[in-house]
Protein backbone atom coordinates (compact mmCIF):
# COMPACT_ATOMS: atom_id res chain seq x y z
CA MET A 1 24.82 8.91 -0.15
CA HIS A 2 22.35 9.89 -2.85
CA LEU A 3 19.00 11.22 -1.69
CA LEU A 4 17.02 8.43 -3.30
CA LYS A 5 18.91 5.89 -1.19
CA LEU A 6 17.83 7.34 2.16
CA GLN A 7 16.45 4.38 4.01
CA ASN A 8 13.11 4.00 5.73
CA ILE A 9 13.44 3.48 9.47
CA ASN A 10 10.81 1.08 10.83
CA GLY A 11 8.86 1.69 7.64
CA VAL A 12 8.94 5.51 7.92
CA GLY A 13 10.77 7.66 5.38
CA PRO A 14 12.39 11.04 6.09
CA SER A 15 10.44 14.30 6.31
CA LYS A 16 11.80 17.48 4.71
CA VAL A 17 11.96 21.21 5.41
CA PHE A 18 13.07 24.09 3.16
CA LEU A 19 15.69 26.48 4.54
CA PRO A 20 14.68 30.09 3.71
CA GLU A 21 16.85 33.17 3.95
CA GLY A 22 17.40 33.95 7.62
CA PRO A 23 19.80 35.02 10.39
CA TYR A 24 20.82 31.48 11.33
CA LEU A 25 24.41 30.39 11.82
CA SER A 26 23.72 26.68 11.89
CA VAL A 27 21.06 24.23 10.74
CA LEU A 28 20.52 23.43 14.42
CA ASP A 29 19.64 27.09 15.13
CA PHE A 30 16.99 26.96 12.42
CA LEU A 31 15.49 23.62 13.48
CA GLU A 32 15.18 24.81 17.08
CA LYS A 33 13.28 27.92 15.91
CA ARG A 34 11.23 26.21 13.19
CA PHE A 35 9.97 23.39 15.44
CA PRO A 36 9.31 24.98 18.84
CA ARG A 37 7.67 21.83 20.20
CA GLY A 38 11.03 20.11 20.10
CA THR A 39 14.17 21.00 22.02
CA ARG A 40 17.68 21.94 20.97
CA ALA A 41 19.03 18.96 22.90
CA GLY A 42 16.58 16.70 21.09
CA TRP A 43 17.75 17.90 17.68
CA GLU A 44 21.37 17.51 18.74
CA ARG A 45 20.70 13.87 19.70
CA ARG A 46 18.94 13.27 16.39
CA MET A 47 21.86 14.75 14.44
CA MET A 48 24.44 12.76 16.36
CA ALA A 49 22.41 9.60 15.70
CA GLY A 50 22.63 10.23 11.93
CA ARG A 51 18.95 11.11 11.44
CA VAL A 52 19.32 14.55 9.76
CA PHE A 53 20.65 15.01 6.19
CA ASN A 54 21.12 17.69 3.58
CA GLN A 55 19.56 17.52 0.13
CA ASN A 56 22.48 15.44 -1.14
CA GLY A 57 21.93 12.80 1.54
CA ILE A 58 24.98 13.87 3.62
CA ALA A 59 24.54 13.68 7.40
CA LEU A 60 24.30 17.01 9.24
CA PHE A 61 25.70 17.65 12.72
CA PRO A 62 25.08 20.32 15.38
CA ASP A 63 27.80 22.58 13.95
CA SER A 64 26.74 22.19 10.28
CA PRO A 65 26.46 25.69 8.73
CA TYR A 66 23.13 27.10 7.61
CA LEU A 67 22.76 27.18 3.81
CA PRO A 68 19.62 29.06 2.70
CA ARG A 69 17.54 27.83 -0.25
CA THR A 70 18.44 24.21 0.41
CA ILE A 71 16.43 21.30 1.83
CA VAL A 72 17.04 19.34 5.01
CA TYR A 73 15.70 15.81 5.47
CA TYR A 74 15.12 14.38 8.92
CA TYR A 75 13.61 11.32 10.52
CA ARG A 76 10.79 12.01 12.91
CA GLU A 77 10.98 10.86 16.48
CA PHE A 78 8.11 8.57 17.41
CA ALA A 79 6.84 7.33 20.72
CA GLU A 80 3.29 6.20 20.03
CA ASN A 81 1.60 5.00 23.19
CA PHE A 82 -1.41 3.53 21.43
CA VAL A 83 -2.26 0.74 19.02
CA ILE A 84 -5.12 0.88 16.52
CA PRO A 85 -6.93 -2.38 17.43
CA PHE A 86 -7.82 -3.39 13.87
CA GLN A 87 -5.78 -5.24 11.27
CA GLU A 88 -5.36 -4.41 7.60
CA SER A 89 -5.39 -7.18 5.00
CA ILE A 90 -3.71 -7.53 1.62
CA ILE A 91 -6.30 -8.57 -0.95
CA PHE A 92 -4.09 -8.41 -4.07
CA GLU A 93 -0.41 -8.27 -4.90
CA ASP A 94 1.70 -8.72 -8.02
CA GLU A 95 5.05 -7.32 -9.11
CA LEU A 96 3.54 -3.86 -9.76
CA LEU A 97 0.68 -3.26 -7.35
CA LEU A 98 -0.51 -4.03 -3.86
CA VAL A 99 -4.13 -3.47 -2.81
CA ALA A 100 -5.03 -3.48 0.87
CA ASP A 101 -8.22 -3.29 2.91
CA LYS A 102 -7.80 -0.46 5.42
CA PRO A 103 -9.79 -0.74 8.65
CA HIS A 104 -11.60 2.19 10.21
CA TYR A 105 -9.49 4.53 12.40
CA LEU A 106 -6.18 3.76 10.67
CA PRO A 107 -4.58 6.62 8.65
CA VAL A 108 -3.10 5.78 5.25
CA THR A 109 0.16 7.69 5.74
CA PRO A 110 2.00 9.23 8.72
CA VAL A 111 0.28 12.36 10.02
CA GLY A 112 0.20 14.13 13.36
CA PRO A 113 0.57 11.61 16.22
CA TYR A 114 0.20 8.65 13.83
CA ILE A 115 3.51 7.32 12.51
CA GLN A 116 3.92 3.58 13.02
CA GLU A 117 0.15 3.11 13.32
CA THR A 118 -0.56 3.88 9.67
CA LEU A 119 -1.42 1.62 6.77
CA LEU A 120 1.67 2.51 4.72
CA VAL A 121 4.14 1.93 7.55
CA ARG A 122 2.46 -1.28 8.66
CA LEU A 123 2.62 -2.62 5.10
CA ARG A 124 6.25 -1.57 4.58
CA ARG A 125 7.22 -3.42 7.75
CA ARG A 126 5.07 -6.40 6.85
CA THR A 127 6.30 -6.79 3.26
CA GLY A 128 9.79 -5.33 3.48
CA ILE A 129 9.07 -3.20 0.39
CA GLU A 130 10.66 0.17 1.19
CA GLN A 131 9.54 1.83 -2.06
CA LEU A 132 5.87 1.02 -1.41
CA SER A 133 3.85 4.18 -2.05
CA ALA A 134 0.13 4.98 -1.69
CA LEU A 135 -1.57 6.15 -4.89
CA HIS A 136 -4.51 7.81 -3.13
CA ARG A 137 -5.86 8.49 0.34
CA LEU A 138 -8.85 7.61 2.48
CA ASP A 139 -9.91 9.56 5.54
CA LEU A 140 -8.73 8.08 8.82
CA GLU A 141 -12.36 7.21 9.67
CA THR A 142 -13.12 5.59 6.29
CA ALA A 143 -12.49 1.88 5.70
CA GLY A 144 -11.81 0.03 2.46
CA LEU A 145 -9.53 -0.28 -0.53
CA VAL A 146 -6.22 1.55 -0.87
CA MET A 147 -3.91 0.89 -3.82
CA PHE A 148 -0.11 1.06 -3.62
CA THR A 149 2.66 0.91 -6.21
CA LYS A 150 5.67 -1.31 -5.59
CA GLN A 151 8.06 0.11 -8.19
CA VAL A 152 9.32 3.67 -8.56
CA PRO A 153 9.47 3.67 -12.42
CA THR A 154 5.74 2.93 -12.79
CA ARG A 155 4.52 5.06 -9.86
CA ASP A 156 3.55 8.13 -11.88
CA ILE A 157 1.89 6.01 -14.57
CA TYR A 158 -0.52 4.57 -12.02
CA ALA A 159 -0.95 7.91 -10.25
CA SER A 160 -2.18 9.36 -13.55
CA LEU A 161 -5.24 7.11 -13.30
CA PHE A 162 -6.42 9.24 -10.39
CA ARG A 163 -5.32 12.58 -11.86
CA LYS A 164 -7.08 11.89 -15.15
CA ARG A 165 -10.14 10.29 -13.51
CA LEU A 166 -9.60 7.01 -15.35
CA ILE A 167 -10.47 4.89 -12.34
CA THR A 168 -13.99 4.11 -11.12
CA LYS A 169 -14.27 4.32 -7.33
CA THR A 170 -17.38 2.94 -5.64
CA TYR A 171 -18.23 3.50 -1.98
CA HIS A 172 -20.98 2.20 0.28
CA ALA A 173 -22.51 4.31 3.06
CA VAL A 174 -25.31 3.94 5.60
CA SER A 175 -27.66 6.76 6.55
CA HIS A 176 -31.32 7.62 6.97
CA ASP A 177 -33.70 6.69 4.18
CA THR A 178 -35.51 9.57 2.50
CA ASP A 179 -38.24 10.00 -0.09
CA ARG A 180 -37.19 13.57 -0.93
CA TYR A 181 -35.24 12.52 -4.02
CA GLN A 182 -35.54 10.34 -7.07
CA TRP A 183 -32.72 7.81 -7.16
CA PRO A 184 -30.22 7.58 -8.67
CA LEU A 185 -29.15 11.23 -8.68
CA THR A 186 -26.03 13.23 -9.44
CA TYR A 187 -25.13 15.88 -6.89
CA SER A 188 -22.58 18.59 -7.60
CA SER A 189 -21.32 21.63 -5.72
CA TYR A 190 -18.33 23.85 -5.08
CA ILE A 191 -16.36 22.64 -2.03
CA GLU A 192 -13.58 24.50 -0.24
CA SER A 193 -11.89 24.60 3.17
CA SER A 194 -13.73 26.30 6.01
CA ASN A 195 -12.34 28.23 8.97
CA GLN A 196 -12.90 25.15 11.16
CA PHE A 197 -10.02 22.73 11.40
CA MET A 198 -10.47 19.75 9.07
CA LYS A 199 -13.96 20.81 8.00
CA MET A 200 -14.91 21.51 4.39
CA GLN A 201 -17.84 23.65 3.24
CA GLU A 202 -19.98 24.30 0.20
CA ARG A 203 -19.94 27.74 -1.39
CA SER A 204 -21.44 29.30 -4.51
CA GLY A 205 -19.34 28.80 -7.59
CA ALA A 206 -18.75 26.44 -10.49
CA ALA A 207 -19.00 22.85 -9.27
CA ASN A 208 -15.66 21.23 -8.45
CA ALA A 209 -17.14 18.13 -6.78
CA ILE A 210 -19.54 15.66 -8.40
CA THR A 211 -20.99 12.48 -6.89
CA GLN A 212 -23.39 9.89 -8.30
CA ILE A 213 -25.64 8.46 -5.57
CA GLN A 214 -28.18 5.66 -5.52
CA VAL A 215 -30.00 3.54 -2.96
CA LEU A 216 -29.02 -0.13 -2.86
CA GLU A 217 -31.19 -1.38 0.02
CA ARG A 218 -33.69 -0.07 2.56
CA ASP A 219 -34.36 -1.22 6.11
CA ARG A 220 -36.86 0.37 8.52
CA GLY A 221 -36.09 4.00 7.81
CA HIS A 222 -32.41 3.43 7.03
CA ALA A 223 -30.70 2.92 3.70
CA LEU A 224 -27.53 1.50 2.20
CA TYR A 225 -26.24 3.93 -0.44
CA GLN A 226 -23.82 3.52 -3.32
CA LEU A 227 -21.62 6.57 -3.93
CA GLN A 228 -19.43 7.09 -6.98
CA PRO A 229 -17.32 10.26 -6.82
CA GLN A 230 -16.47 11.73 -10.22
CA THR A 231 -13.99 14.10 -8.57
CA GLY A 232 -11.69 13.78 -5.59
CA LYS A 233 -12.23 16.72 -3.23
CA LYS A 234 -11.42 16.30 0.45
CA HIS A 235 -14.42 14.92 2.40
CA GLN A 236 -16.50 15.10 -0.78
CA LEU A 237 -18.81 12.18 -0.02
CA ARG A 238 -19.36 13.25 3.57
CA VAL A 239 -20.11 16.85 2.55
CA HIS A 240 -22.51 15.82 -0.22
CA MET A 241 -24.45 13.34 1.89
CA ASN A 242 -24.76 15.95 4.65
CA ALA A 243 -25.94 18.57 2.14
CA LEU A 244 -28.70 16.20 1.04
CA GLY A 245 -29.88 15.90 4.64
CA ILE A 246 -28.65 12.32 5.01
CA PRO A 247 -25.29 12.59 6.81
CA ILE A 248 -23.39 9.33 7.01
CA TYR A 249 -23.92 7.55 10.30
CA ASN A 250 -21.28 8.13 12.97
CA ASP A 251 -19.69 11.07 11.12
CA GLN A 252 -17.57 13.00 13.65
CA ILE A 253 -17.41 16.16 11.47
CA TYR A 254 -20.66 16.56 9.49
CA PRO A 255 -23.04 18.09 10.32
CA ASN A 256 -21.44 18.88 13.70
CA MET A 257 -17.78 18.58 14.55
CA LEU A 258 -17.23 16.69 17.77
CA ALA A 259 -14.40 17.54 20.13
CA TYR A 260 -11.03 16.10 19.19
CA THR A 261 -10.01 13.00 21.10
CA ALA A 262 -6.38 11.92 21.25
CA PRO A 263 -5.85 8.47 19.65
CA GLU A 264 -4.81 6.89 22.94
CA LYS A 265 -8.10 8.00 24.53
CA ARG A 266 -10.62 7.56 21.75
CA SER A 267 -13.37 4.95 21.57
CA TYR A 268 -13.50 2.57 18.63
CA ASP A 269 -17.13 1.47 18.92
CA GLN A 270 -18.80 3.92 16.48
CA PRO A 271 -17.00 3.65 13.12
CA LEU A 272 -18.01 5.97 10.30
CA GLN A 273 -20.37 4.00 8.06
CA LEU A 274 -18.41 4.68 4.88
CA LEU A 275 -16.53 2.01 2.94
CA ALA A 276 -14.37 2.26 -0.19
CA LYS A 277 -15.93 -0.82 -1.76
CA GLU A 278 -14.58 -1.18 -5.33
CA LEU A 279 -11.86 -0.01 -7.71
CA ARG A 280 -12.13 -0.57 -11.47
CA PHE A 281 -9.68 0.51 -14.18
CA VAL A 282 -7.69 -0.57 -17.20
CA ASP A 283 -4.11 -1.16 -16.11
CA PRO A 284 -1.95 1.40 -17.99
CA VAL A 285 1.09 -0.89 -17.84
CA THR A 286 -0.35 -4.32 -18.64
CA GLY A 287 -3.56 -3.35 -20.46
CA MET A 288 -5.53 -5.72 -18.20
CA GLU A 289 -8.94 -4.83 -16.79
CA ARG A 290 -8.59 -4.60 -13.01
CA HIS A 291 -11.41 -4.98 -10.49
CA PHE A 292 -10.84 -5.06 -6.75
CA GLU A 293 -13.53 -5.39 -4.09
CA SER A 294 -13.23 -4.81 -0.36
CA GLN A 295 -13.90 -7.73 1.93
CA LEU A 296 -14.87 -5.42 4.81
CA LYS A 297 -18.50 -4.81 5.76
CA LEU A 298 -20.49 -1.91 7.10
CA GLN A 299 -23.00 -2.40 9.92
CA TRP A 300 -25.75 -3.54 7.57
CA PRO A 301 -28.51 -4.73 7.91
CA ILE A 302 -29.25 -2.11 10.48
CA THR A 303 -29.85 -4.47 13.44
CA ASP A 304 -26.47 -3.93 15.04
CA LEU A 305 -26.03 -0.26 14.16
CA ILE A 306 -25.86 2.21 17.02
CA ASP A 307 -29.09 4.21 17.37
CA GLN A 308 -28.84 7.42 15.32
CA SER A 309 -32.05 9.04 16.58
């Protein structure tokens, strides 16, 4: 079986791991050492069930010899005991693209404890399109538009829109109003990872993150902002709004990181007030002008927003 024909199982494709030089006699020996959270018996069951393959798509078994400098593909075990209580919606679909509205709290792709409860896997199961692939990401806490390709041959063509910054992304956010700045403004800084898990930080250096910001509406000391990132750094909008002294309402990371809560225990009543509102671009395949707009709403006007004082 050729690698490209490895099937998705319940909408989830295989993960992969590189086999380095090492003192292992079998692939099973390596997997047991590489993934200490699992068990040898668990990997044996997975192999016997036909869920572990070599880089040529051939099934591996507990006695399969260890071959360094090769790749092993495996299907993750999943036993999610939670459901994200919000539903995605498909707002556009043709033979090339699918655009979905992602609700708050739902990751785009499988990560950590989230496998089935992700936008990509939900959509693969819903549409039956195994080759569906996300072209970009939104934070788990952020709601709004996510664009997917439906065909492998055109995937990189559409991905180049994001690499070359040929797509206009517009977000809405809610935070405190302020008279410290003249709007609109362009904010830029150098952003990098910090020593805190998940958290990004600003440092001195040539700017690698640029955001255009303006106020759309005001309401009793609060404001609805429009954010247009010119770059795509992790947490860029959240970091920039926090740096300006107007952190986005209900942010669990900026300015202060709250304690991690497992998905089966977390509350869903304080969504981050950040929405990926619009996508605009010239379609590189058809030449058409594309404009998609989220149908989701932030908690605006401020009447129903949780007190941020």
